[in-house]
PDB file of N, CA and C in Angstrom:
ATOM      1  N   MET A   1     160.226 158.694  42.897  1.00  0.00           N
ATOM      2  CA  MET A   1     159.902 157.063  42.732  1.00  0.00           C
ATOM      3  C   MET A   1     160.471 156.474  43.964  1.00  0.00           C
ATOM      4  N   PHE A   2     160.049 156.218  45.063  1.00  0.00           N
ATOM      5  CA  PHE A   2     160.873 155.701  46.189  1.00  0.00           C
ATOM      6  C   PHE A   2     162.258 156.325  46.342  1.00  0.00           C
ATOM      7  N   GLY A   3     162.433 157.617  46.100  1.00  0.00           N
ATOM      8  CA  GLY A   3     163.642 158.340  46.533  1.00  0.00           C
ATOM      9  C   GLY A   3     164.727 157.832  45.486  1.00  0.00           C
ATOM     10  N   ILE A   4     164.537 157.264  44.380  1.00  0.00           N
ATOM     11  CA  ILE A   4     165.334 156.657  43.482  1.00  0.00           C
ATOM     12  C   ILE A   4     165.520 157.604  42.429  1.00  0.00           C
ATOM     13  N   GLY A   5     166.558 158.239  42.122  1.00  0.00           N
ATOM     14  CA  GLY A   5     166.862 159.131  40.753  1.00  0.00           C
ATOM     15  C   GLY A   5     167.256 158.507  39.529  1.00  0.00           C
ATOM     16  N   MET A   6     167.012 159.071  38.625  1.00  0.00           N
ATOM     17  CA  MET A   6     167.293 158.380  37.234  1.00  0.00           C
ATOM     18  C   MET A   6     168.525 157.721  37.318  1.00  0.00           C
ATOM     19  N   SER A   7     169.766 158.462  37.610  1.00  0.00           N
ATOM     20  CA  SER A   7     171.025 157.843  37.516  1.00  0.00           C
ATOM     21  C   SER A   7     171.239 156.364  38.344  1.00  0.00           C
ATOM     22  N   GLU A   8     170.457 156.425  39.453  1.00  0.00           N
ATOM     23  CA  GLU A   8     170.394 155.075  40.223  1.00  0.00           C
ATOM     24  C   GLU A   8     169.721 154.085  39.554  1.00  0.00           C
ATOM     25  N   LEU A   9     168.451 154.549  39.086  1.00  0.00           N
ATOM     26  CA  LEU A   9     167.770 153.325  38.218  1.00  0.00           C
ATOM     27  C   LEU A   9     168.293 152.836  37.139  1.00  0.00           C
ATOM     28  N   VAL A  10     169.250 153.752  36.445  1.00  0.00           N
ATOM     29  CA  VAL A  10     169.960 153.158  35.237  1.00  0.00           C
ATOM     30  C   VAL A  10     171.335 152.330  35.735  1.00  0.00           C
ATOM     31  N   VAL A  11     171.730 152.437  36.829  1.00  0.00           N
ATOM     32  CA  VAL A  11     172.810 151.672  37.332  1.00  0.00           C
ATOM     33  C   VAL A  11     171.972 150.289  37.763  1.00  0.00           C
ATOM     34  N   ILE A  12     170.962 150.336  38.436  1.00  0.00           N
ATOM     35  CA  ILE A  12     170.329 149.118  38.797  1.00  0.00           C
ATOM     36  C   ILE A  12     170.021 148.414  37.528  1.00  0.00           C
ATOM     37  N   LEU A  13     169.401 149.021  36.584  1.00  0.00           N
ATOM     38  CA  LEU A  13     169.043 148.365  35.359  1.00  0.00           C
ATOM     39  C   LEU A  13     170.191 147.495  34.619  1.00  0.00           C
ATOM     40  N   VAL A  14     171.367 148.339  34.703  1.00  0.00           N
ATOM     41  CA  VAL A  14     172.703 147.765  33.979  1.00  0.00           C
ATOM     42  C   VAL A  14     173.034 146.512  34.877  1.00  0.00           C
ATOM     43  N   ILE A  15     172.975 146.631  36.066  1.00  0.00           N
ATOM     44  CA  ILE A  15     173.360 145.548  36.842  1.00  0.00           C
ATOM     45  C   ILE A  15     172.624 144.360  36.722  1.00  0.00           C
ATOM     46  N   VAL A  16     171.378 144.568  36.636  1.00  0.00           N
ATOM     47  CA  VAL A  16     170.348 143.394  36.239  1.00  0.00           C
ATOM     48  C   VAL A  16     170.590 142.957  34.981  1.00  0.00           C
ATOM     49  N   LEU A  17     171.149 143.777  34.021  1.00  0.00           N
ATOM     50  CA  LEU A  17     171.380 143.159  32.547  1.00  0.00           C
ATOM     51  C   LEU A  17     172.740 142.489  32.699  1.00  0.00           C
ATOM     52  N   ILE A  18     173.545 142.811  33.412  1.00  0.00           N
ATOM     53  CA  ILE A  18     174.830 142.104  33.597  1.00  0.00           C
ATOM     54  C   ILE A  18     174.697 140.599  34.378  1.00  0.00           C
ATOM     55  N   ILE A  19     173.913 140.832  35.154  1.00  0.00           N
ATOM     56  CA  ILE A  19     173.570 139.420  36.222  1.00  0.00           C
ATOM     57  C   ILE A  19     172.764 138.535  35.302  1.00  0.00           C
ATOM     58  N   PHE A  20     171.678 138.804  34.750  1.00  0.00           N
ATOM     59  CA  PHE A  20     170.889 137.932  34.236  1.00  0.00           C
ATOM     60  C   PHE A  20     170.894 137.794  32.749  1.00  0.00           C
ATOM     61  N   GLY A  21     171.449 138.917  32.010  1.00  0.00           N
ATOM     62  CA  GLY A  21     171.494 138.820  30.558  1.00  0.00           C
ATOM     63  C   GLY A  21     170.342 139.264  30.047  1.00  0.00           C
ATOM     64  N   PRO A  22     170.326 139.700  28.470  1.00  0.00           N
ATOM     65  CA  PRO A  22     169.148 140.363  27.962  1.00  0.00           C
ATOM     66  C   PRO A  22     167.950 139.341  27.762  1.00  0.00           C
ATOM     67  N   GLY A  23     168.301 138.113  27.832  1.00  0.00           N
ATOM     68  CA  GLY A  23     167.195 137.037  27.425  1.00  0.00           C
ATOM     69  C   GLY A  23     166.243 136.727  28.594  1.00  0.00           C
ATOM     70  N   LYS A  24     166.865 137.027  29.704  1.00  0.00           N
ATOM     71  CA  LYS A  24     166.131 136.596  30.878  1.00  0.00           C
ATOM     72  C   LYS A  24     165.288 137.884  31.550  1.00  0.00           C
ATOM     73  N   VAL A  25     165.675 138.925  31.175  1.00  0.00           N
ATOM     74  CA  VAL A  25     164.938 140.223  31.762  1.00  0.00           C
ATOM     75  C   VAL A  25     163.396 140.108  31.425  1.00  0.00           C
ATOM     76  N   PRO A  26     162.901 139.959  30.230  1.00  0.00           N
ATOM     77  CA  PRO A  26     161.663 139.846  29.885  1.00  0.00           C
ATOM     78  C   PRO A  26     160.875 138.877  30.884  1.00  0.00           C
ATOM     79  N   GLU A  27     161.568 137.645  30.945  1.00  0.00           N
ATOM     80  CA  GLU A  27     160.919 136.718  31.836  1.00  0.00           C
ATOM     81  C   GLU A  27     160.766 136.936  33.360  1.00  0.00           C
ATOM     82  N   ILE A  28     161.865 137.658  33.760  1.00  0.00           N
ATOM     83  CA  ILE A  28     161.648 138.168  35.056  1.00  0.00           C
ATOM     84  C   ILE A  28     160.642 139.270  35.378  1.00  0.00           C
ATOM     85  N   GLY A  29     160.573 140.061  34.212  1.00  0.00           N
ATOM     86  CA  GLY A  29     159.379 141.176  34.322  1.00  0.00           C
ATOM     87  C   GLY A  29     158.082 140.516  34.377  1.00  0.00           C
ATOM     88  N   ALA A  30     157.821 139.596  33.401  1.00  0.00           N
ATOM     89  CA  ALA A  30     156.648 138.707  33.444  1.00  0.00           C
ATOM     90  C   ALA A  30     156.328 138.181  34.594  1.00  0.00           C
ATOM     91  N   ALA A  31     157.286 137.482  35.295  1.00  0.00           N
ATOM     92  CA  ALA A  31     157.118 136.657  36.529  1.00  0.00           C
ATOM     93  C   ALA A  31     156.739 137.658  37.850  1.00  0.00           C
ATOM     94  N   MET A  32     157.386 138.919  37.724  1.00  0.00           N
ATOM     95  CA  MET A  32     156.924 139.874  38.878  1.00  0.00           C
ATOM     96  C   MET A  32     155.619 140.488  38.581  1.00  0.00           C
ATOM     97  N   GLY A  33     155.138 140.600  37.278  1.00  0.00           N
ATOM     98  CA  GLY A  33     153.931 141.055  37.067  1.00  0.00           C
ATOM     99  C   GLY A  33     152.955 140.145  37.538  1.00  0.00           C
ATOM    100  N   LYS A  34     153.163 138.936  37.100  1.00  0.00           N
ATOM    101  CA  LYS A  34     152.115 137.894  37.621  1.00  0.00           C
ATOM    102  C   LYS A  34     152.234 137.878  39.134  1.00  0.00           C
ATOM    103  N   ALA A  35     153.264 137.918  39.818  1.00  0.00           N
ATOM    104  CA  ALA A  35     153.447 137.981  41.162  1.00  0.00           C
ATOM    105  C   ALA A  35     152.391 139.205  41.705  1.00  0.00           C
ATOM    106  N   ILE A  36     152.571 140.359  41.208  1.00  0.00           N
ATOM    107  CA  ILE A  36     151.858 141.717  41.652  1.00  0.00           C
ATOM    108  C   ILE A  36     150.338 141.462  41.495  1.00  0.00           C
ATOM    109  N   ARG A  37     149.934 140.879  40.300  1.00  0.00           N
ATOM    110  CA  ARG A  37     148.697 140.682  39.980  1.00  0.00           C
ATOM    111  C   ARG A  37     147.777 139.638  41.069  1.00  0.00           C
ATOM    112  N   ASN A  38     148.827 138.565  41.344  1.00  0.00           N
ATOM    113  CA  ASN A  38     148.355 137.483  42.204  1.00  0.00           C
ATOM    114  C   ASN A  38     148.070 138.100  43.767  1.00  0.00           C
ATOM    115  N   PHE A  39     149.297 138.790  44.079  1.00  0.00           N
ATOM    116  CA  PHE A  39     148.940 139.703  45.439  1.00  0.00           C
ATOM    117  C   PHE A  39     147.820 140.728  45.327  1.00  0.00           C
ATOM    118  N   LYS A  40     147.414 141.363  44.329  1.00  0.00           N
ATOM    119  CA  LYS A  40     146.400 142.137  44.475  1.00  0.00           C
ATOM    120  C   LYS A  40     145.051 141.279  44.484  1.00  0.00           C
ATOM    121  N   THR A  41     145.058 140.381  44.000  1.00  0.00           N
ATOM    122  CA  THR A  41     143.601 139.490  43.782  1.00  0.00           C
ATOM    123  C   THR A  41     143.649 138.934  45.271  1.00  0.00           C
ATOM    124  N   ALA A  42     144.769 138.527  45.684  1.00  0.00           N
ATOM    125  CA  ALA A  42     144.448 137.871  47.025  1.00  0.00           C
ATOM    126  C   ALA A  42     144.285 138.900  48.154  1.00  0.00           C
ATOM    127  N   THR A  43     144.681 140.047  48.070  1.00  0.00           N
ATOM    128  CA  THR A  43     144.218 140.977  49.051  1.00  0.00           C
ATOM    129  C   THR A  43     142.782 141.639  48.899  1.00  0.00           C
ATOM    130  N   THR A  44     142.199 141.466  47.752  1.00  0.00           N
ATOM    131  CA  THR A  44     140.877 141.793  47.582  1.00  0.00           C
ATOM    132  C   THR A  44     139.887 140.639  47.725  1.00  0.00           C
ATOM    133  N   GLU A  45     140.463 139.478  47.489  1.00  0.00           N
ATOM    134  CA  GLU A  45     139.451 138.080  47.816  1.00  0.00           C
ATOM    135  C   GLU A  45     138.564 138.226  48.952  1.00  0.00           C
ATOM    136  N   PRO A  46     139.351 138.318  50.077  1.00  0.00           N
ATOM    137  CA  PRO A  46     138.668 138.130  51.158  1.00  0.00           C
ATOM    138  C   PRO A  46     137.320 139.132  51.168  1.00  0.00           C
ATOM    139  N   GLU A  47     137.583 140.438  50.891  1.00  0.00           N
ATOM    140  CA  GLU A  47     136.389 141.182  50.937  1.00  0.00           C
ATOM    141  C   GLU A  47     135.398 140.805  49.939  1.00  0.00           C
ATOM    142  N   LYS A  48     135.619 140.284  48.936  1.00  0.00           N
ATOM    143  CA  LYS A  48     134.453 139.560  47.966  1.00  0.00           C
ATOM    144  C   LYS A  48     133.902 138.494  48.683  1.00  0.00           C
ATOM    145  N   LYS A  49     134.622 137.566  49.319  1.00  0.00           N
ATOM    146  CA  LYS A  49     133.899 136.672  50.062  1.00  0.00           C
ATOM    147  C   LYS A  49     133.145 137.125  51.206  1.00  0.00           C
ATOM    148  N   GLU A  50     133.641 138.131  51.836  1.00  0.00           N
ATOM    149  CA  GLU A  50     132.955 138.480  53.013  1.00  0.00           C
ATOM    150  C   GLU A  50     131.525 138.991  52.511  1.00  0.00           C
ATOM    151  N   VAL A  51     131.407 139.861  51.376  1.00  0.00           N
ATOM    152  CA  VAL A  51     130.342 140.283  50.631  1.00  0.00           C
ATOM    153  C   VAL A  51     129.271 139.470  50.363  1.00  0.00           C
ATOM    154  N   GLU A  52     129.919 138.013  49.761  1.00  0.00           N
ATOM    155  CA  GLU A  52     129.023 136.980  49.412  1.00  0.00           C
ATOM    156  C   GLU A  52     128.506 136.331  50.486  1.00  0.00           C
ATOM    157  N   HIS A  53     129.092 136.121  51.673  1.00  0.00           N
ATOM    158  CA  HIS A  53     128.834 135.596  52.818  1.00  0.00           C
ATOM    159  C   HIS A  53     127.717 136.442  53.340  1.00  0.00           C
ATOM    160  N   LYS A  54     127.762 137.797  53.605  1.00  0.00           N
ATOM    161  CA  LYS A  54     126.704 138.474  53.941  1.00  0.00           C
ATOM    162  C   LYS A  54     125.679 138.379  53.162  1.00  0.00           C
ATOM    163  N   GLU A  55     125.736 138.495  51.771  1.00  0.00           N
ATOM    164  CA  GLU A  55     124.253 138.200  50.978  1.00  0.00           C
ATOM    165  C   GLU A  55     123.633 136.976  51.237  1.00  0.00           C
ATOM    166  N   THR A  56     124.516 135.895  51.452  1.00  0.00           N
ATOM    167  CA  THR A  56     123.796 134.616  51.584  1.00  0.00           C
ATOM    168  C   THR A  56     123.014 134.666  53.013  1.00  0.00           C
ATOM    169  N   ASP A  57     123.477 135.491  54.022  1.00  0.00           N
ATOM    170  CA  ASP A  57     123.027 135.428  55.267  1.00  0.00           C
ATOM    171  C   ASP A  57     121.797 135.999  55.233  1.00  0.00           C
ATOM    172  N   LYS A  58     121.569 137.160  54.342  1.00  0.00           N
ATOM    173  CA  LYS A  58     120.409 137.954  54.190  1.00  0.00           C
ATOM    174  C   LYS A  58     119.285 137.072  53.628  1.00  0.00           C
ATOM    175  N   GLU A  59     119.529 136.247  52.546  1.00  0.00           N
ATOM    176  CA  GLU A  59     118.577 135.433  51.883  1.00  0.00           C
ATOM    177  C   GLU A  59     117.932 134.330  53.056  1.00  0.00           C
ATOM    178  N   ASN A  60     118.721 133.847  53.933  1.00  0.00           N
ATOM    179  CA  ASN A  60     118.364 132.794  54.823  1.00  0.00           C
ATOM    180  C   ASN A  60     117.572 133.484  55.973  1.00  0.00           C
TER     181      ASN A  60
END
């Protein structure tokens, strides 16, 4: 996983817990999930619009 071993991952998670606290970690995870979802839809949206545009051109 990106060249990160289990021990490095545990150290990163402990540092995140120390900095943000256990109450904020779920909020951060949810925000990151939304950001990734929005990024995926933003990268696929132009393709959908392009297909719709081609379909309307064929009708005319």
